[in-house]
Amino acid sequence: MKTVDGYHKSSYSGHSGECVEVSEGPVTGVRDTRYRELGRLDVPAGEWAALLASMRVGR
């Protein structure tokens, strides 16, 4: 489910109150749901895709 500002909870976050949200596009925004006011980490889409691919290989 997307938030008003276009973020959605990571499927890896589980059901705890400590989650990661992402907003995907040309630049992917990553933020902590507990501390949204502290900002976000912006990552170019290609780098985000490479990170996810590298995590899948390690499974």
PDB file of N, CA and C in Angstrom:
ATOM      1  N   MET A   1       0.832  -1.180   0.000  1.00  0.00           N
ATOM      2  CA  MET A   1       0.000   0.000   0.000  1.00  0.00           C
ATOM      3  C   MET A   1       0.882   1.250   0.000  1.00  0.00           C
ATOM      4  N   LYS A   2       0.597   2.169  -0.890  1.00  0.00           N
ATOM      5  CA  LYS A   2       1.391   3.394  -0.989  1.00  0.00           C
ATOM      6  C   LYS A   2       0.881   4.452  -0.019  1.00  0.00           C
ATOM      7  N   THR A   3       1.826   5.243   0.487  1.00  0.00           N
ATOM      8  CA  THR A   3       1.472   6.368   1.330  1.00  0.00           C
ATOM      9  C   THR A   3       1.078   7.541   0.438  1.00  0.00           C
ATOM     10  N   VAL A   4       0.603   8.617   1.020  1.00  0.00           N
ATOM     11  CA  VAL A   4       0.185   9.793   0.272  1.00  0.00           C
ATOM     12  C   VAL A   4       1.322  10.351  -0.575  1.00  0.00           C
ATOM     13  N   ASP A   5       2.542  10.268  -0.078  1.00  0.00           N
ATOM     14  CA  ASP A   5       3.676  10.822  -0.824  1.00  0.00           C
ATOM     15  C   ASP A   5       4.374   9.806  -1.723  1.00  0.00           C
ATOM     16  N   GLY A   6       3.740   8.664  -1.999  1.00  0.00           N
ATOM     17  CA  GLY A   6       4.257   7.709  -2.975  1.00  0.00           C
ATOM     18  C   GLY A   6       5.189   6.639  -2.451  1.00  0.00           C
ATOM     19  N   TYR A   7       5.395   6.565  -1.144  1.00  0.00           N
ATOM     20  CA  TYR A   7       6.253   5.533  -0.569  1.00  0.00           C
ATOM     21  C   TYR A   7       5.441   4.274  -0.295  1.00  0.00           C
ATOM     22  N   HIS A   8       6.116   3.140  -0.293  1.00  0.00           N
ATOM     23  CA  HIS A   8       5.482   1.891   0.126  1.00  0.00           C
ATOM     24  C   HIS A   8       6.445   1.131   1.018  1.00  0.00           C
ATOM     25  N   LYS A   9       5.879   0.326   1.876  1.00  0.00           N
ATOM     26  CA  LYS A   9       6.668  -0.451   2.834  1.00  0.00           C
ATOM     27  C   LYS A   9       7.412  -1.571   2.109  1.00  0.00           C
ATOM     28  N   SER A  10       8.642  -1.758   2.474  1.00  0.00           N
ATOM     29  CA  SER A  10       9.430  -2.838   1.904  1.00  0.00           C
ATOM     30  C   SER A  10       8.834  -4.182   2.290  1.00  0.00           C
ATOM     31  N   SER A  11       8.798  -5.107   1.360  1.00  0.00           N
ATOM     32  CA  SER A  11       8.277  -6.446   1.658  1.00  0.00           C
ATOM     33  C   SER A  11       9.186  -7.196   2.627  1.00  0.00           C
ATOM     34  N   TYR A  12      10.410  -6.726   2.805  1.00  0.00           N
ATOM     35  CA  TYR A  12      11.346  -7.363   3.725  1.00  0.00           C
ATOM     36  C   TYR A  12      11.190  -6.876   5.165  1.00  0.00           C
ATOM     37  N   SER A  13      10.353  -5.878   5.374  1.00  0.00           N
ATOM     38  CA  SER A  13      10.219  -5.286   6.704  1.00  0.00           C
ATOM     39  C   SER A  13       9.398  -6.129   7.673  1.00  0.00           C
ATOM     40  N   GLY A  14       8.586  -7.031   7.175  1.00  0.00           N
ATOM     41  CA  GLY A  14       7.763  -7.840   8.066  1.00  0.00           C
ATOM     42  C   GLY A  14       6.642  -7.021   8.677  1.00  0.00           C
ATOM     43  N   HIS A  15       6.160  -7.470   9.829  1.00  0.00           N
ATOM     44  CA  HIS A  15       5.017  -6.819  10.464  1.00  0.00           C
ATOM     45  C   HIS A  15       5.390  -6.044  11.714  1.00  0.00           C
ATOM     46  N   SER A  16       6.656  -5.823  11.942  1.00  0.00           N
ATOM     47  CA  SER A  16       7.067  -5.054  13.117  1.00  0.00           C
ATOM     48  C   SER A  16       6.823  -3.570  12.860  1.00  0.00           C
ATOM     49  N   GLY A  17       6.920  -2.768  13.883  1.00  0.00           N
ATOM     50  CA  GLY A  17       6.749  -1.336  13.736  1.00  0.00           C
ATOM     51  C   GLY A  17       7.975  -0.644  13.183  1.00  0.00           C
ATOM     52  N   GLU A  18       9.039  -1.375  12.981  1.00  0.00           N
ATOM     53  CA  GLU A  18      10.284  -0.807  12.468  1.00  0.00           C
ATOM     54  C   GLU A  18      10.441  -1.220  11.015  1.00  0.00           C
ATOM     55  N   CYS A  19      10.079  -0.307  10.120  1.00  0.00           N
ATOM     56  CA  CYS A  19      10.019  -0.650   8.703  1.00  0.00           C
ATOM     57  C   CYS A  19      10.844   0.310   7.855  1.00  0.00           C
ATOM     58  N   VAL A  20      11.100  -0.138   6.661  1.00  0.00           N
ATOM     59  CA  VAL A  20      11.751   0.685   5.647  1.00  0.00           C
ATOM     60  C   VAL A  20      10.708   0.935   4.566  1.00  0.00           C
ATOM     61  N   GLU A  21      10.646   2.170   4.086  1.00  0.00           N
ATOM     62  CA  GLU A  21       9.755   2.516   2.985  1.00  0.00           C
ATOM     63  C   GLU A  21      10.603   2.983   1.807  1.00  0.00           C
ATOM     64  N   VAL A  22      10.107   2.691   0.603  1.00  0.00           N
ATOM     65  CA  VAL A  22      10.805   3.125  -0.602  1.00  0.00           C
ATOM     66  C   VAL A  22       9.824   3.807  -1.549  1.00  0.00           C
ATOM     67  N   SER A  23      10.342   4.712  -2.330  1.00  0.00           N
ATOM     68  CA  SER A  23       9.601   5.372  -3.396  1.00  0.00           C
ATOM     69  C   SER A  23      10.461   5.219  -4.648  1.00  0.00           C
ATOM     70  N   GLU A  24      10.009   4.363  -5.556  1.00  0.00           N
ATOM     71  CA  GLU A  24      10.826   4.032  -6.722  1.00  0.00           C
ATOM     72  C   GLU A  24      10.502   4.926  -7.912  1.00  0.00           C
ATOM     73  N   GLY A  25      11.509   5.250  -8.660  1.00  0.00           N
ATOM     74  CA  GLY A  25      11.406   6.096  -9.844  1.00  0.00           C
ATOM     75  C   GLY A  25      12.804   6.305 -10.383  1.00  0.00           C
ATOM     76  N   PRO A  26      13.038   7.368 -11.127  1.00  0.00           N
ATOM     77  CA  PRO A  26      14.395   7.645 -11.624  1.00  0.00           C
ATOM     78  C   PRO A  26      15.397   7.743 -10.477  1.00  0.00           C
ATOM     79  N   VAL A  27      14.912   8.231  -9.341  1.00  0.00           N
ATOM     80  CA  VAL A  27      15.693   8.248  -8.101  1.00  0.00           C
ATOM     81  C   VAL A  27      14.842   7.531  -7.057  1.00  0.00           C
ATOM     82  N   THR A  28      15.417   6.550  -6.379  1.00  0.00           N
ATOM     83  CA  THR A  28      14.691   5.803  -5.358  1.00  0.00           C
ATOM     84  C   THR A  28      14.950   6.428  -4.000  1.00  0.00           C
ATOM     85  N   GLY A  29      13.867   6.777  -3.315  1.00  0.00           N
ATOM     86  CA  GLY A  29      13.975   7.315  -1.960  1.00  0.00           C
ATOM     87  C   GLY A  29      13.802   6.186  -0.957  1.00  0.00           C
ATOM     88  N   VAL A  30      14.630   6.161   0.064  1.00  0.00           N
ATOM     89  CA  VAL A  30      14.569   5.135   1.110  1.00  0.00           C
ATOM     90  C   VAL A  30      14.518   5.866   2.444  1.00  0.00           C
ATOM     91  N   ARG A  31      13.571   5.474   3.302  1.00  0.00           N
ATOM     92  CA  ARG A  31      13.464   6.122   4.607  1.00  0.00           C
ATOM     93  C   ARG A  31      12.990   5.135   5.667  1.00  0.00           C
ATOM     94  N   ASP A  32      13.214   5.494   6.904  1.00  0.00           N
ATOM     95  CA  ASP A  32      12.809   4.715   8.071  1.00  0.00           C
ATOM     96  C   ASP A  32      11.450   5.236   8.522  1.00  0.00           C
ATOM     97  N   THR A  33      10.471   4.354   8.669  1.00  0.00           N
ATOM     98  CA  THR A  33       9.132   4.804   9.039  1.00  0.00           C
ATOM     99  C   THR A  33       9.080   5.424  10.425  1.00  0.00           C
ATOM    100  N   ARG A  34       9.963   5.043  11.301  1.00  0.00           N
ATOM    101  CA  ARG A  34       9.958   5.606  12.655  1.00  0.00           C
ATOM    102  C   ARG A  34      10.538   7.013  12.696  1.00  0.00           C
ATOM    103  N   TYR A  35      11.360   7.359  11.728  1.00  0.00           N
ATOM    104  CA  TYR A  35      12.050   8.651  11.748  1.00  0.00           C
ATOM    105  C   TYR A  35      11.925   9.364  10.400  1.00  0.00           C
ATOM    106  N   ARG A  36      10.738   9.409   9.846  1.00  0.00           N
ATOM    107  CA  ARG A  36      10.533  10.054   8.541  1.00  0.00           C
ATOM    108  C   ARG A  36      11.042  11.490   8.525  1.00  0.00           C
ATOM    109  N   GLU A  37      10.889  12.168   9.652  1.00  0.00           N
ATOM    110  CA  GLU A  37      11.269  13.585   9.719  1.00  0.00           C
ATOM    111  C   GLU A  37      12.769  13.805   9.570  1.00  0.00           C
ATOM    112  N   LEU A  38      13.561  12.744   9.703  1.00  0.00           N
ATOM    113  CA  LEU A  38      15.014  12.874   9.562  1.00  0.00           C
ATOM    114  C   LEU A  38      15.467  12.827   8.108  1.00  0.00           C
ATOM    115  N   GLY A  39      14.524  12.606   7.201  1.00  0.00           N
ATOM    116  CA  GLY A  39      14.860  12.632   5.782  1.00  0.00           C
ATOM    117  C   GLY A  39      14.916  11.258   5.156  1.00  0.00           C
ATOM    118  N   ARG A  40      15.545  11.217   4.016  1.00  0.00           N
ATOM    119  CA  ARG A  40      15.614   9.974   3.241  1.00  0.00           C
ATOM    120  C   ARG A  40      16.964   9.880   2.548  1.00  0.00           C
ATOM    121  N   LEU A  41      17.252   8.700   2.086  1.00  0.00           N
ATOM    122  CA  LEU A  41      18.440   8.447   1.285  1.00  0.00           C
ATOM    123  C   LEU A  41      17.966   8.330  -0.160  1.00  0.00           C
ATOM    124  N   ASP A  42      18.482   9.145  -1.050  1.00  0.00           N
ATOM    125  CA  ASP A  42      18.135   9.091  -2.470  1.00  0.00           C
ATOM    126  C   ASP A  42      19.224   8.338  -3.229  1.00  0.00           C
ATOM    127  N   VAL A  43      18.797   7.374  -4.023  1.00  0.00           N
ATOM    128  CA  VAL A  43      19.717   6.502  -4.750  1.00  0.00           C
ATOM    129  C   VAL A  43      19.290   6.456  -6.219  1.00  0.00           C
ATOM    130  N   PRO A  44      20.208   6.629  -7.170  1.00  0.00           N
ATOM    131  CA  PRO A  44      19.837   6.477  -8.575  1.00  0.00           C
ATOM    132  C   PRO A  44      19.211   5.096  -8.818  1.00  0.00           C
ATOM    133  N   ALA A  45      18.214   5.045  -9.684  1.00  0.00           N
ATOM    134  CA  ALA A  45      17.465   3.808  -9.918  1.00  0.00           C
ATOM    135  C   ALA A  45      18.370   2.634 -10.302  1.00  0.00           C
ATOM    136  N   GLY A  46      19.373   2.866 -11.109  1.00  0.00           N
ATOM    137  CA  GLY A  46      20.274   1.790 -11.519  1.00  0.00           C
ATOM    138  C   GLY A  46      21.058   1.215 -10.347  1.00  0.00           C
ATOM    139  N   GLU A  47      21.461   2.088  -9.444  1.00  0.00           N
ATOM    140  CA  GLU A  47      22.194   1.629  -8.258  1.00  0.00           C
ATOM    141  C   GLU A  47      21.274   0.851  -7.322  1.00  0.00           C
ATOM    142  N   TRP A  48      20.028   1.303  -7.194  1.00  0.00           N
ATOM    143  CA  TRP A  48      19.046   0.589  -6.362  1.00  0.00           C
ATOM    144  C   TRP A  48      18.808  -0.815  -6.928  1.00  0.00           C
ATOM    145  N   ALA A  49      18.648  -0.909  -8.247  1.00  0.00           N
ATOM    146  CA  ALA A  49      18.438  -2.211  -8.894  1.00  0.00           C
ATOM    147  C   ALA A  49      19.645  -3.124  -8.675  1.00  0.00           C
ATOM    148  N   ALA A  50      20.853  -2.569  -8.744  1.00  0.00           N
ATOM    149  CA  ALA A  50      22.064  -3.366  -8.517  1.00  0.00           C
ATOM    150  C   ALA A  50      22.136  -3.862  -7.078  1.00  0.00           C
ATOM    151  N   LEU A  51      21.750  -3.015  -6.122  1.00  0.00           N
ATOM    152  CA  LEU A  51      21.735  -3.437  -4.729  1.00  0.00           C
ATOM    153  C   LEU A  51      20.764  -4.596  -4.524  1.00  0.00           C
ATOM    154  N   LEU A  52      19.551  -4.468  -5.045  1.00  0.00           N
ATOM    155  CA  LEU A  52      18.565  -5.535  -4.888  1.00  0.00           C
ATOM    156  C   LEU A  52      19.029  -6.826  -5.560  1.00  0.00           C
ATOM    157  N   ALA A  53      19.623  -6.706  -6.734  1.00  0.00           N
ATOM    158  CA  ALA A  53      20.122  -7.894  -7.440  1.00  0.00           C
ATOM    159  C   ALA A  53      21.226  -8.580  -6.646  1.00  0.00           C
ATOM    160  N   SER A  54      22.101  -7.801  -6.036  1.00  0.00           N
ATOM    161  CA  SER A  54      23.189  -8.404  -5.267  1.00  0.00           C
ATOM    162  C   SER A  54      22.660  -9.098  -4.011  1.00  0.00           C
ATOM    163  N   MET A  55      21.583  -8.586  -3.460  1.00  0.00           N
ATOM    164  CA  MET A  55      20.995  -9.226  -2.277  1.00  0.00           C
ATOM    165  C   MET A  55      20.292 -10.521  -2.650  1.00  0.00           C
ATOM    166  N   ARG A  56      19.715 -10.580  -3.826  1.00  0.00           N
ATOM    167  CA  ARG A  56      19.039 -11.810  -4.277  1.00  0.00           C
ATOM    168  C   ARG A  56      20.051 -12.927  -4.529  1.00  0.00           C
ATOM    169  N   VAL A  57      21.228 -12.579  -5.036  1.00  0.00           N
ATOM    170  CA  VAL A  57      22.266 -13.569  -5.326  1.00  0.00           C
ATOM    171  C   VAL A  57      22.730 -14.221  -4.035  1.00  0.00           C
ATOM    172  N   GLY A  58      22.789 -13.472  -2.953  1.00  0.00           N
ATOM    173  CA  GLY A  58      23.284 -13.982  -1.668  1.00  0.00           C
ATOM    174  C   GLY A  58      22.296 -14.844  -0.915  1.00  0.00           C
ATOM    175  N   ARG A  59      21.103 -15.002  -1.407  1.00  0.00           N
ATOM    176  CA  ARG A  59      20.088 -15.791  -0.696  1.00  0.00           C
ATOM    177  C   ARG A  59      20.383 -17.243  -0.725  1.00  0.00           C
TER     178      ARG A  59
END
